[in-house]
């Protein structure tokens, strides 16, 4: 068993408690946002941000000190939209929210474990590993689902003379980087757990 001696000070316990509480609050906010997005996506009309190209902002074209100005996306509200597109849009919103919830619950579990002086418990590596995988998957798959949804939505529009991108996949590497960093933390916890087990075996 892990030693329970040397419990954290009151300040450390309060700080860890606040971190754990904040993680739960963020998880609840992420879940609420995903539910709200679901109601909006499956309602009517459905607002969809479609990426555009070569759309100049005429009001600023000749403005002093402005070299160029253009729109990068247009918000189009669809009265009707295929169910498949709606599910893709929901997936784009739900995957990051799910990853956020998993990460926040992992932080809550880590904070609770630190308060109890059991940071290197056996369950910690799988919990943090799941969070790392969730970040990478959400960072890669979420935007891809959105790209497919917008491509299908563009097909439902009248001829737009190529104003909208037929398919545009924009990958944000930040969640993937955080997932890789968290995977390294998992490795550190595994090393710490192994050293703790070896130390306890020598006592």
C-alpha atoms as a PDB file:
ATOM      1  CA  UNK A   1       0.000   0.000   0.000  1.00  0.00           C
ATOM      2  CA  UNK A   2       1.001   3.561  -0.554  1.00  0.00           C
ATOM      3  CA  UNK A   3       2.117   5.479   2.488  1.00  0.00           C
ATOM      4  CA  UNK A   4      -0.357   8.020   3.839  1.00  0.00           C
ATOM      5  CA  UNK A   5       2.212   9.887   5.912  1.00  0.00           C
ATOM      6  CA  UNK A   6       3.278  13.409   5.038  1.00  0.00           C
ATOM      7  CA  UNK A   7      -0.165  14.628   4.006  1.00  0.00           C
ATOM      8  CA  UNK A   8      -0.275  17.959   2.101  1.00  0.00           C
ATOM      9  CA  UNK A   9      -0.536  21.206   4.002  1.00  0.00           C
ATOM     10  CA  UNK A  10      -3.841  23.058   4.295  1.00  0.00           C
ATOM     11  CA  UNK A  11      -2.817  25.490   1.536  1.00  0.00           C
ATOM     12  CA  UNK A  12      -1.841  22.659  -0.810  1.00  0.00           C
ATOM     13  CA  UNK A  13      -5.064  20.782  -0.048  1.00  0.00           C
ATOM     14  CA  UNK A  14      -7.172  23.879  -0.728  1.00  0.00           C
ATOM     15  CA  UNK A  15      -5.300  24.576  -3.974  1.00  0.00           C
ATOM     16  CA  UNK A  16      -5.739  20.997  -5.175  1.00  0.00           C
ATOM     17  CA  UNK A  17      -9.379  21.113  -4.174  1.00  0.00           C
ATOM     18  CA  UNK A  18      -9.920  24.286  -6.181  1.00  0.00           C
ATOM     19  CA  UNK A  19      -8.200  22.713  -9.202  1.00  0.00           C
ATOM     20  CA  UNK A  20     -10.407  19.627  -8.933  1.00  0.00           C
ATOM     21  CA  UNK A  21     -13.539  21.754  -8.549  1.00  0.00           C
ATOM     22  CA  UNK A  22     -12.543  23.906 -11.509  1.00  0.00           C
ATOM     23  CA  UNK A  23     -11.995  20.806 -13.629  1.00  0.00           C
ATOM     24  CA  UNK A  24     -15.493  19.542 -12.803  1.00  0.00           C
ATOM     25  CA  UNK A  25     -16.964  22.964 -13.602  1.00  0.00           C
ATOM     26  CA  UNK A  26     -15.241  23.071 -16.995  1.00  0.00           C
ATOM     27  CA  UNK A  27     -16.477  19.550 -17.749  1.00  0.00           C
ATOM     28  CA  UNK A  28     -20.053  20.570 -16.946  1.00  0.00           C
ATOM     29  CA  UNK A  29     -19.699  23.674 -19.138  1.00  0.00           C
ATOM     30  CA  UNK A  30     -18.384  21.547 -22.018  1.00  0.00           C
ATOM     31  CA  UNK A  31     -21.299  19.114 -21.677  1.00  0.00           C
ATOM     32  CA  UNK A  32     -23.790  21.977 -21.547  1.00  0.00           C
ATOM     33  CA  UNK A  33     -22.261  23.546 -24.655  1.00  0.00           C
ATOM     34  CA  UNK A  34     -22.449  20.265 -26.564  1.00  0.00           C
ATOM     35  CA  UNK A  35     -26.113  19.813 -25.621  1.00  0.00           C
ATOM     36  CA  UNK A  36     -26.896  23.384 -26.664  1.00  0.00           C
ATOM     37  CA  UNK A  37     -25.110  22.826 -29.981  1.00  0.00           C
ATOM     38  CA  UNK A  38     -27.146  19.660 -30.512  1.00  0.00           C
ATOM     39  CA  UNK A  39     -30.431  21.519 -30.076  1.00  0.00           C
ATOM     40  CA  UNK A  40     -29.234  24.201 -32.502  1.00  0.00           C
ATOM     41  CA  UNK A  41     -28.026  21.713 -35.113  1.00  0.00           C
ATOM     42  CA  UNK A  42     -31.193  19.630 -35.037  1.00  0.00           C
ATOM     43  CA  UNK A  43     -33.430  22.681 -34.987  1.00  0.00           C
ATOM     44  CA  UNK A  44     -34.458  24.917 -37.857  1.00  0.00           C
ATOM     45  CA  UNK A  45     -32.986  26.966 -39.365  1.00  0.00           C
ATOM     46  CA  UNK A  46     -29.487  25.504 -39.008  1.00  0.00           C
ATOM     47  CA  UNK A  47     -26.622  28.055 -39.078  1.00  0.00           C
ATOM     48  CA  UNK A  48     -23.541  26.635 -40.820  1.00  0.00           C
ATOM     49  CA  UNK A  49     -20.267  28.559 -41.177  1.00  0.00           C
ATOM     50  CA  UNK A  50     -19.079  27.839 -44.730  1.00  0.00           C
ATOM     51  CA  UNK A  51     -15.494  28.718 -45.745  1.00  0.00           C
ATOM     52  CA  UNK A  52     -15.260  31.085 -48.697  1.00  0.00           C
ATOM     53  CA  UNK A  53     -12.389  32.237 -50.892  1.00  0.00           C
ATOM     54  CA  UNK A  54     -11.755  35.259 -53.066  1.00  0.00           C
ATOM     55  CA  UNK A  55     -14.533  37.187 -51.292  1.00  0.00           C
ATOM     56  CA  UNK A  56     -13.311  40.750 -51.010  1.00  0.00           C
ATOM     57  CA  UNK A  57     -14.681  43.101 -48.367  1.00  0.00           C
ATOM     58  CA  UNK A  58     -15.628  45.987 -50.627  1.00  0.00           C
ATOM     59  CA  UNK A  59     -16.172  48.517 -47.835  1.00  0.00           C
ATOM     60  CA  UNK A  60     -12.474  48.304 -46.887  1.00  0.00           C
ATOM     61  CA  UNK A  61     -10.902  47.755 -50.293  1.00  0.00           C
ATOM     62  CA  UNK A  62      -9.931  51.406 -50.769  1.00  0.00           C
ATOM     63  CA  UNK A  63      -9.645  52.353 -47.091  1.00  0.00           C
ATOM     64  CA  UNK A  64      -6.525  54.229 -46.051  1.00  0.00           C
ATOM     65  CA  UNK A  65      -3.865  51.989 -44.529  1.00  0.00           C
ATOM     66  CA  UNK A  66      -5.603  48.756 -45.599  1.00  0.00           C
ATOM     67  CA  UNK A  67      -3.694  46.596 -48.066  1.00  0.00           C
ATOM     68  CA  UNK A  68      -6.490  44.043 -48.564  1.00  0.00           C
ATOM     69  CA  UNK A  69      -9.635  42.763 -46.893  1.00  0.00           C
ATOM     70  CA  UNK A  70     -11.635  39.603 -47.518  1.00  0.00           C
ATOM     71  CA  UNK A  71     -14.106  37.254 -45.875  1.00  0.00           C
ATOM     72  CA  UNK A  72     -12.923  33.825 -44.757  1.00  0.00           C
ATOM     73  CA  UNK A  73     -16.343  32.356 -44.001  1.00  0.00           C
ATOM     74  CA  UNK A  74     -20.032  33.026 -44.468  1.00  0.00           C
ATOM     75  CA  UNK A  75     -22.775  32.035 -42.010  1.00  0.00           C
ATOM     76  CA  UNK A  76     -25.541  30.359 -44.002  1.00  0.00           C
ATOM     77  CA  UNK A  77     -28.785  29.341 -42.280  1.00  0.00           C
ATOM     78  CA  UNK A  78     -30.430  26.310 -43.871  1.00  0.00           C
ATOM     79  CA  UNK A  79     -34.170  25.790 -43.534  1.00  0.00           C
ATOM     80  CA  UNK A  80     -33.699  22.116 -44.367  1.00  0.00           C
ATOM     81  CA  UNK A  81     -30.570  20.029 -44.022  1.00  0.00           C
ATOM     82  CA  UNK A  82     -29.966  16.296 -44.410  1.00  0.00           C
ATOM     83  CA  UNK A  83     -29.812  14.294 -41.192  1.00  0.00           C
ATOM     84  CA  UNK A  84     -26.373  12.963 -42.115  1.00  0.00           C
ATOM     85  CA  UNK A  85     -24.973  16.487 -42.322  1.00  0.00           C
ATOM     86  CA  UNK A  86     -26.521  17.349 -38.971  1.00  0.00           C
ATOM     87  CA  UNK A  87     -24.877  14.327 -37.342  1.00  0.00           C
ATOM     88  CA  UNK A  88     -21.511  15.278 -38.827  1.00  0.00           C
ATOM     89  CA  UNK A  89     -21.868  18.808 -37.476  1.00  0.00           C
ATOM     90  CA  UNK A  90     -22.822  17.424 -34.084  1.00  0.00           C
ATOM     91  CA  UNK A  91     -19.790  15.134 -34.150  1.00  0.00           C
ATOM     92  CA  UNK A  92     -17.565  18.127 -34.848  1.00  0.00           C
ATOM     93  CA  UNK A  93     -18.899  19.794 -31.684  1.00  0.00           C
ATOM     94  CA  UNK A  94     -19.276  16.694 -29.526  1.00  0.00           C
ATOM     95  CA  UNK A  95     -15.799  15.201 -29.947  1.00  0.00           C
ATOM     96  CA  UNK A  96     -13.900  18.214 -28.514  1.00  0.00           C
ATOM     97  CA  UNK A  97     -16.479  18.474 -25.736  1.00  0.00           C
ATOM     98  CA  UNK A  98     -16.040  14.785 -24.909  1.00  0.00           C
ATOM     99  CA  UNK A  99     -12.250  15.164 -24.911  1.00  0.00           C
ATOM    100  CA  UNK A 100     -12.562  18.164 -22.584  1.00  0.00           C
ATOM    101  CA  UNK A 101     -14.781  16.197 -20.208  1.00  0.00           C
ATOM    102  CA  UNK A 102     -12.360  13.258 -20.146  1.00  0.00           C
ATOM    103  CA  UNK A 103      -9.362  15.514 -19.521  1.00  0.00           C
ATOM    104  CA  UNK A 104     -11.164  17.419 -16.768  1.00  0.00           C
ATOM    105  CA  UNK A 105     -12.268  14.221 -15.057  1.00  0.00           C
ATOM    106  CA  UNK A 106      -8.678  12.989 -15.262  1.00  0.00           C
ATOM    107  CA  UNK A 107      -7.490  16.193 -13.603  1.00  0.00           C
ATOM    108  CA  UNK A 108     -10.166  15.791 -10.927  1.00  0.00           C
ATOM    109  CA  UNK A 109      -8.972  12.245 -10.228  1.00  0.00           C
ATOM    110  CA  UNK A 110      -5.341  13.414 -10.165  1.00  0.00           C
ATOM    111  CA  UNK A 111      -6.159  16.234  -7.741  1.00  0.00           C
ATOM    112  CA  UNK A 112      -8.054  13.855  -5.471  1.00  0.00           C
ATOM    113  CA  UNK A 113      -5.165  11.376  -5.595  1.00  0.00           C
ATOM    114  CA  UNK A 114      -2.651  14.085  -4.705  1.00  0.00           C
ATOM    115  CA  UNK A 115      -4.766  15.183  -1.749  1.00  0.00           C
ATOM    116  CA  UNK A 116      -4.785  11.580  -0.526  1.00  0.00           C
ATOM    117  CA  UNK A 117      -1.037  11.230  -1.227  1.00  0.00           C
ATOM    118  CA  UNK A 118      -1.685   8.389  -3.700  1.00  0.00           C
ATOM    119  CA  UNK A 119      -0.629   9.999  -6.982  1.00  0.00           C
ATOM    120  CA  UNK A 120       1.067   6.832  -8.244  1.00  0.00           C
ATOM    121  CA  UNK A 121      -1.933   4.559  -7.878  1.00  0.00           C
ATOM    122  CA  UNK A 122      -2.369   1.880 -10.532  1.00  0.00           C
ATOM    123  CA  UNK A 123      -5.405   3.527 -12.157  1.00  0.00           C
ATOM    124  CA  UNK A 124      -3.638   6.822 -12.860  1.00  0.00           C
ATOM    125  CA  UNK A 125      -1.825   5.746 -16.038  1.00  0.00           C
ATOM    126  CA  UNK A 126      -4.947   4.366 -17.778  1.00  0.00           C
ATOM    127  CA  UNK A 127      -6.962   7.447 -16.804  1.00  0.00           C
ATOM    128  CA  UNK A 128      -4.381   9.908 -18.131  1.00  0.00           C
ATOM    129  CA  UNK A 129      -3.691   7.696 -21.159  1.00  0.00           C
ATOM    130  CA  UNK A 130      -7.388   7.781 -22.073  1.00  0.00           C
ATOM    131  CA  UNK A 131      -7.327  11.563 -21.812  1.00  0.00           C
ATOM    132  CA  UNK A 132      -4.281  11.750 -24.099  1.00  0.00           C
ATOM    133  CA  UNK A 133      -5.931   9.541 -26.723  1.00  0.00           C
ATOM    134  CA  UNK A 134      -9.154  11.568 -26.500  1.00  0.00           C
ATOM    135  CA  UNK A 135      -7.265  14.793 -27.188  1.00  0.00           C
ATOM    136  CA  UNK A 136      -5.499  13.383 -30.249  1.00  0.00           C
ATOM    137  CA  UNK A 137      -8.635  11.763 -31.681  1.00  0.00           C
ATOM    138  CA  UNK A 138     -10.792  14.843 -31.124  1.00  0.00           C
ATOM    139  CA  UNK A 139      -8.124  17.108 -32.614  1.00  0.00           C
ATOM    140  CA  UNK A 140      -7.886  15.021 -35.785  1.00  0.00           C
ATOM    141  CA  UNK A 141     -11.391  13.625 -36.308  1.00  0.00           C
ATOM    142  CA  UNK A 142     -13.509  16.574 -35.164  1.00  0.00           C
ATOM    143  CA  UNK A 143     -12.362  18.995 -37.895  1.00  0.00           C
ATOM    144  CA  UNK A 144     -12.584  16.199 -40.466  1.00  0.00           C
ATOM    145  CA  UNK A 145     -16.253  15.589 -39.635  1.00  0.00           C
ATOM    146  CA  UNK A 146     -16.895  19.319 -39.952  1.00  0.00           C
ATOM    147  CA  UNK A 147     -15.113  19.439 -43.306  1.00  0.00           C
ATOM    148  CA  UNK A 148     -17.303  16.635 -44.669  1.00  0.00           C
ATOM    149  CA  UNK A 149     -20.435  18.306 -43.299  1.00  0.00           C
ATOM    150  CA  UNK A 150     -19.629  21.646 -44.920  1.00  0.00           C
ATOM    151  CA  UNK A 151     -18.745  19.976 -48.205  1.00  0.00           C
ATOM    152  CA  UNK A 152     -22.145  18.293 -48.243  1.00  0.00           C
ATOM    153  CA  UNK A 153     -23.882  21.527 -47.237  1.00  0.00           C
ATOM    154  CA  UNK A 154     -22.234  23.381 -50.135  1.00  0.00           C
ATOM    155  CA  UNK A 155     -23.678  20.782 -52.491  1.00  0.00           C
ATOM    156  CA  UNK A 156     -27.165  21.770 -51.356  1.00  0.00           C
ATOM    157  CA  UNK A 157     -26.645  25.408 -52.315  1.00  0.00           C
ATOM    158  CA  UNK A 158     -27.484  26.851 -55.732  1.00  0.00           C
ATOM    159  CA  UNK A 159     -24.557  27.472 -58.084  1.00  0.00           C
ATOM    160  CA  UNK A 160     -22.223  29.908 -56.306  1.00  0.00           C
ATOM    161  CA  UNK A 161     -19.528  30.298 -58.984  1.00  0.00           C
ATOM    162  CA  UNK A 162     -16.952  28.634 -56.753  1.00  0.00           C
ATOM    163  CA  UNK A 163     -17.391  31.123 -53.928  1.00  0.00           C
ATOM    164  CA  UNK A 164     -17.354  28.341 -51.333  1.00  0.00           C
ATOM    165  CA  UNK A 165     -14.654  25.720 -50.900  1.00  0.00           C
ATOM    166  CA  UNK A 166     -15.816  22.311 -52.100  1.00  0.00           C
ATOM    167  CA  UNK A 167     -13.779  20.704 -49.283  1.00  0.00           C
ATOM    168  CA  UNK A 168     -11.534  22.342 -46.698  1.00  0.00           C
ATOM    169  CA  UNK A 169      -9.914  20.438 -43.833  1.00  0.00           C
ATOM    170  CA  UNK A 170      -8.140  22.686 -41.333  1.00  0.00           C
ATOM    171  CA  UNK A 171      -6.195  20.794 -38.687  1.00  0.00           C
ATOM    172  CA  UNK A 172      -5.384  22.512 -35.401  1.00  0.00           C
ATOM    173  CA  UNK A 173      -2.240  20.818 -34.028  1.00  0.00           C
ATOM    174  CA  UNK A 174      -2.726  22.198 -30.490  1.00  0.00           C
ATOM    175  CA  UNK A 175      -4.930  19.361 -29.108  1.00  0.00           C
ATOM    176  CA  UNK A 176      -2.631  16.789 -30.692  1.00  0.00           C
ATOM    177  CA  UNK A 177       0.392  18.429 -29.083  1.00  0.00           C
ATOM    178  CA  UNK A 178      -1.331  18.494 -25.683  1.00  0.00           C
ATOM    179  CA  UNK A 179      -2.251  14.836 -26.124  1.00  0.00           C
ATOM    180  CA  UNK A 180       1.362  13.896 -26.838  1.00  0.00           C
ATOM    181  CA  UNK A 181       2.514  15.934 -23.824  1.00  0.00           C
ATOM    182  CA  UNK A 182      -0.041  14.160 -21.641  1.00  0.00           C
ATOM    183  CA  UNK A 183       1.200  10.815 -22.955  1.00  0.00           C
ATOM    184  CA  UNK A 184       4.675  11.751 -21.708  1.00  0.00           C
ATOM    185  CA  UNK A 185       3.161  12.533 -18.310  1.00  0.00           C
ATOM    186  CA  UNK A 186       1.639   9.052 -18.330  1.00  0.00           C
ATOM    187  CA  UNK A 187       5.120   7.610 -18.893  1.00  0.00           C
ATOM    188  CA  UNK A 188       6.442   9.648 -15.962  1.00  0.00           C
ATOM    189  CA  UNK A 189       3.679   8.324 -13.712  1.00  0.00           C
ATOM    190  CA  UNK A 190       4.470   4.773 -14.742  1.00  0.00           C
ATOM    191  CA  UNK A 191       8.136   5.296 -13.882  1.00  0.00           C
ATOM    192  CA  UNK A 192       7.162   6.838 -10.552  1.00  0.00           C
ATOM    193  CA  UNK A 193       4.808   3.977  -9.734  1.00  0.00           C
ATOM    194  CA  UNK A 194       7.499   1.413 -10.551  1.00  0.00           C
ATOM    195  CA  UNK A 195      10.070   3.223  -8.386  1.00  0.00           C
ATOM    196  CA  UNK A 196       7.575   3.486  -5.544  1.00  0.00           C
ATOM    197  CA  UNK A 197       6.825  -0.227  -5.745  1.00  0.00           C
ATOM    198  CA  UNK A 198      10.537  -1.070  -5.722  1.00  0.00           C
ATOM    199  CA  UNK A 199      11.125   1.266  -2.766  1.00  0.00           C
ATOM    200  CA  UNK A 200       8.292  -0.323  -0.795  1.00  0.00           C
ATOM    201  CA  UNK A 201       9.786  -3.737  -1.569  1.00  0.00           C
ATOM    202  CA  UNK A 202      13.062  -2.701   0.035  1.00  0.00           C
ATOM    203  CA  UNK A 203      11.445  -1.473   3.230  1.00  0.00           C
END
